[in-house]
PDB file of N, CA and C in Angstrom:
ATOM      1  N   UNK A   1      65.038  63.995  60.990  1.00  0.00           N
ATOM      2  CA  UNK A   1      66.401  63.546  61.190  1.00  0.00           C
ATOM      3  C   UNK A   1      66.750  62.474  60.156  1.00  0.00           C
ATOM      4  N   UNK A   2      67.994  62.475  59.793  1.00  0.00           N
ATOM      5  CA  UNK A   2      68.529  61.482  58.874  1.00  0.00           C
ATOM      6  C   UNK A   2      69.225  60.413  59.699  1.00  0.00           C
ATOM      7  N   UNK A   3      69.060  59.163  59.318  1.00  0.00           N
ATOM      8  CA  UNK A   3      69.681  58.073  60.057  1.00  0.00           C
ATOM      9  C   UNK A   3      71.173  58.323  60.218  1.00  0.00           C
ATOM     10  N   UNK A   4      71.669  58.193  61.445  1.00  0.00           N
ATOM     11  CA  UNK A   4      73.074  58.404  61.736  1.00  0.00           C
ATOM     12  C   UNK A   4      73.451  59.860  61.982  1.00  0.00           C
ATOM     13  N   UNK A   5      72.516  60.786  61.780  1.00  0.00           N
ATOM     14  CA  UNK A   5      72.787  62.206  61.964  1.00  0.00           C
ATOM     15  C   UNK A   5      72.740  62.551  63.449  1.00  0.00           C
ATOM     16  N   UNK A   6      73.636  63.417  63.878  1.00  0.00           N
ATOM     17  CA  UNK A   6      73.645  63.890  65.259  1.00  0.00           C
ATOM     18  C   UNK A   6      73.256  65.353  65.271  1.00  0.00           C
ATOM     19  N   UNK A   7      72.309  65.717  66.093  1.00  0.00           N
ATOM     20  CA  UNK A   7      71.910  67.114  66.251  1.00  0.00           C
ATOM     21  C   UNK A   7      72.596  67.654  67.497  1.00  0.00           C
ATOM     22  N   UNK A   8      73.386  68.689  67.328  1.00  0.00           N
ATOM     23  CA  UNK A   8      74.111  69.278  68.444  1.00  0.00           C
ATOM     24  C   UNK A   8      73.225  70.246  69.216  1.00  0.00           C
ATOM     25  N   UNK A   9      73.392  70.249  70.524  1.00  0.00           N
ATOM     26  CA  UNK A   9      72.679  71.210  71.358  1.00  0.00           C
ATOM     27  C   UNK A   9      73.419  72.544  71.286  1.00  0.00           C
ATOM     28  N   UNK A  10      72.759  73.628  71.627  1.00  0.00           N
ATOM     29  CA  UNK A  10      73.461  74.920  71.657  1.00  0.00           C
ATOM     30  C   UNK A  10      74.693  74.872  72.565  1.00  0.00           C
ATOM     31  N   UNK A  11      74.622  74.148  73.670  1.00  0.00           N
ATOM     32  CA  UNK A  11      75.757  74.045  74.584  1.00  0.00           C
ATOM     33  C   UNK A  11      76.919  73.298  73.934  1.00  0.00           C
ATOM     34  N   UNK A  12      76.624  72.239  73.190  1.00  0.00           N
ATOM     35  CA  UNK A  12      77.673  71.487  72.489  1.00  0.00           C
ATOM     36  C   UNK A  12      78.329  72.351  71.418  1.00  0.00           C
ATOM     37  N   UNK A  13      77.537  73.105  70.689  1.00  0.00           N
ATOM     38  CA  UNK A  13      78.070  73.987  69.647  1.00  0.00           C
ATOM     39  C   UNK A  13      78.994  75.018  70.273  1.00  0.00           C
ATOM     40  N   UNK A  14      78.536  75.625  71.358  1.00  0.00           N
ATOM     41  CA  UNK A  14      79.340  76.626  72.054  1.00  0.00           C
ATOM     42  C   UNK A  14      80.667  76.011  72.529  1.00  0.00           C
ATOM     43  N   UNK A  15      80.619  74.834  73.122  1.00  0.00           N
ATOM     44  CA  UNK A  15      81.811  74.155  73.621  1.00  0.00           C
ATOM     45  C   UNK A  15      82.792  73.850  72.486  1.00  0.00           C
ATOM     46  N   UNK A  16      82.310  73.270  71.402  1.00  0.00           N
ATOM     47  CA  UNK A  16      83.184  72.905  70.288  1.00  0.00           C
ATOM     48  C   UNK A  16      83.818  74.140  69.643  1.00  0.00           C
ATOM     49  N   UNK A  17      83.043  75.184  69.445  1.00  0.00           N
ATOM     50  CA  UNK A  17      83.595  76.394  68.837  1.00  0.00           C
ATOM     51  C   UNK A  17      84.613  77.067  69.749  1.00  0.00           C
ATOM     52  N   UNK A  18      84.347  77.083  71.041  1.00  0.00           N
ATOM     53  CA  UNK A  18      85.296  77.645  72.000  1.00  0.00           C
ATOM     54  C   UNK A  18      86.592  76.844  71.997  1.00  0.00           C
ATOM     55  N   UNK A  19      86.483  75.523  71.931  1.00  0.00           N
ATOM     56  CA  UNK A  19      87.661  74.649  71.953  1.00  0.00           C
ATOM     57  C   UNK A  19      88.575  74.843  70.742  1.00  0.00           C
ATOM     58  N   UNK A  20      88.038  75.337  69.628  1.00  0.00           N
ATOM     59  CA  UNK A  20      88.877  75.549  68.440  1.00  0.00           C
ATOM     60  C   UNK A  20      89.215  77.030  68.235  1.00  0.00           C
ATOM     61  N   UNK A  21      88.978  77.838  69.276  1.00  0.00           N
ATOM     62  CA  UNK A  21      89.481  79.202  69.247  1.00  0.00           C
ATOM     63  C   UNK A  21      88.495  80.306  68.932  1.00  0.00           C
ATOM     64  N   UNK A  22      87.229  80.006  68.806  1.00  0.00           N
ATOM     65  CA  UNK A  22      86.254  81.072  68.572  1.00  0.00           C
ATOM     66  C   UNK A  22      85.911  81.757  69.891  1.00  0.00           C
ATOM     67  N   UNK A  23      85.503  83.020  69.798  1.00  0.00           N
ATOM     68  CA  UNK A  23      85.103  83.778  70.991  1.00  0.00           C
ATOM     69  C   UNK A  23      83.944  84.691  70.614  1.00  0.00           C
ATOM     70  N   UNK A  24      83.448  85.421  71.563  1.00  0.00           N
ATOM     71  CA  UNK A  24      82.281  86.296  71.365  1.00  0.00           C
ATOM     72  C   UNK A  24      81.135  85.526  70.719  1.00  0.00           C
ATOM     73  N   UNK A  25      80.871  84.345  71.251  1.00  0.00           N
ATOM     74  CA  UNK A  25      79.824  83.487  70.702  1.00  0.00           C
ATOM     75  C   UNK A  25      78.444  83.984  71.102  1.00  0.00           C
ATOM     76  N   UNK A  26      77.538  83.913  70.157  1.00  0.00           N
ATOM     77  CA  UNK A  26      76.142  84.221  70.420  1.00  0.00           C
ATOM     78  C   UNK A  26      75.308  83.120  69.766  1.00  0.00           C
ATOM     79  N   UNK A  27      74.532  82.427  70.571  1.00  0.00           N
ATOM     80  CA  UNK A  27      73.673  81.359  70.064  1.00  0.00           C
ATOM     81  C   UNK A  27      72.226  81.767  70.307  1.00  0.00           C
ATOM     82  N   UNK A  28      71.474  81.937  69.231  1.00  0.00           N
ATOM     83  CA  UNK A  28      70.064  82.291  69.318  1.00  0.00           C
ATOM     84  C   UNK A  28      69.246  81.084  68.885  1.00  0.00           C
ATOM     85  N   UNK A  29      68.276  80.698  69.706  1.00  0.00           N
ATOM     86  CA  UNK A  29      67.454  79.520  69.428  1.00  0.00           C
ATOM     87  C   UNK A  29      65.997  79.938  69.307  1.00  0.00           C
ATOM     88  N   UNK A  30      65.326  79.425  68.274  1.00  0.00           N
ATOM     89  CA  UNK A  30      63.884  79.617  68.127  1.00  0.00           C
ATOM     90  C   UNK A  30      63.251  78.229  68.154  1.00  0.00           C
ATOM     91  N   UNK A  31      62.798  77.822  69.332  1.00  0.00           N
ATOM     92  CA  UNK A  31      62.224  76.483  69.508  1.00  0.00           C
ATOM     93  C   UNK A  31      60.960  76.300  68.668  1.00  0.00           C
ATOM     94  N   UNK A  32      60.160  77.329  68.556  1.00  0.00           N
ATOM     95  CA  UNK A  32      58.897  77.240  67.816  1.00  0.00           C
ATOM     96  C   UNK A  32      59.123  76.895  66.348  1.00  0.00           C
ATOM     97  N   UNK A  33      60.115  77.551  65.744  1.00  0.00           N
ATOM     98  CA  UNK A  33      60.398  77.321  64.325  1.00  0.00           C
ATOM     99  C   UNK A  33      61.514  76.309  64.113  1.00  0.00           C
ATOM    100  N   UNK A  34      62.092  75.814  65.218  1.00  0.00           N
ATOM    101  CA  UNK A  34      63.096  74.752  65.199  1.00  0.00           C
ATOM    102  C   UNK A  34      64.358  75.140  64.440  1.00  0.00           C
ATOM    103  N   UNK A  35      64.916  76.321  64.783  1.00  0.00           N
ATOM    104  CA  UNK A  35      66.175  76.727  64.192  1.00  0.00           C
ATOM    105  C   UNK A  35      67.054  77.377  65.242  1.00  0.00           C
ATOM    106  N   UNK A  36      68.336  77.479  64.918  1.00  0.00           N
ATOM    107  CA  UNK A  36      69.251  78.240  65.743  1.00  0.00           C
ATOM    108  C   UNK A  36      70.226  78.963  64.834  1.00  0.00           C
ATOM    109  N   UNK A  37      70.751  80.052  65.355  1.00  0.00           N
ATOM    110  CA  UNK A  37      71.712  80.885  64.615  1.00  0.00           C
ATOM    111  C   UNK A  37      72.912  81.104  65.532  1.00  0.00           C
ATOM    112  N   UNK A  38      74.105  80.887  64.991  1.00  0.00           N
ATOM    113  CA  UNK A  38      75.328  81.049  65.766  1.00  0.00           C
ATOM    114  C   UNK A  38      76.218  82.066  65.081  1.00  0.00           C
ATOM    115  N   UNK A  39      76.709  83.045  65.853  1.00  0.00           N
ATOM    116  CA  UNK A  39      77.723  83.963  65.363  1.00  0.00           C
ATOM    117  C   UNK A  39      78.899  83.892  66.323  1.00  0.00           C
ATOM    118  N   UNK A  40      80.106  84.064  65.777  1.00  0.00           N
ATOM    119  CA  UNK A  40      81.316  84.005  66.588  1.00  0.00           C
ATOM    120  C   UNK A  40      82.448  84.693  65.848  1.00  0.00           C
ATOM    121  N   UNK A  41      83.494  84.997  66.588  1.00  0.00           N
ATOM    122  CA  UNK A  41      84.697  85.620  66.007  1.00  0.00           C
ATOM    123  C   UNK A  41      85.885  84.708  66.220  1.00  0.00           C
ATOM    124  N   UNK A  42      86.806  84.762  65.266  1.00  0.00           N
ATOM    125  CA  UNK A  42      88.046  84.009  65.427  1.00  0.00           C
ATOM    126  C   UNK A  42      89.210  84.880  65.025  1.00  0.00           C
TER     127      UNK A  42
END
């Protein structure tokens, strides 16, 4: 992590994207490799 950086949770990402009009959200998380992938439509 970089000082002052905020890491968003999958739930926060989903909420923020929904609030700005995205839909059909898919959030895939790989805890072992520490990554996530988000796809959505607008």
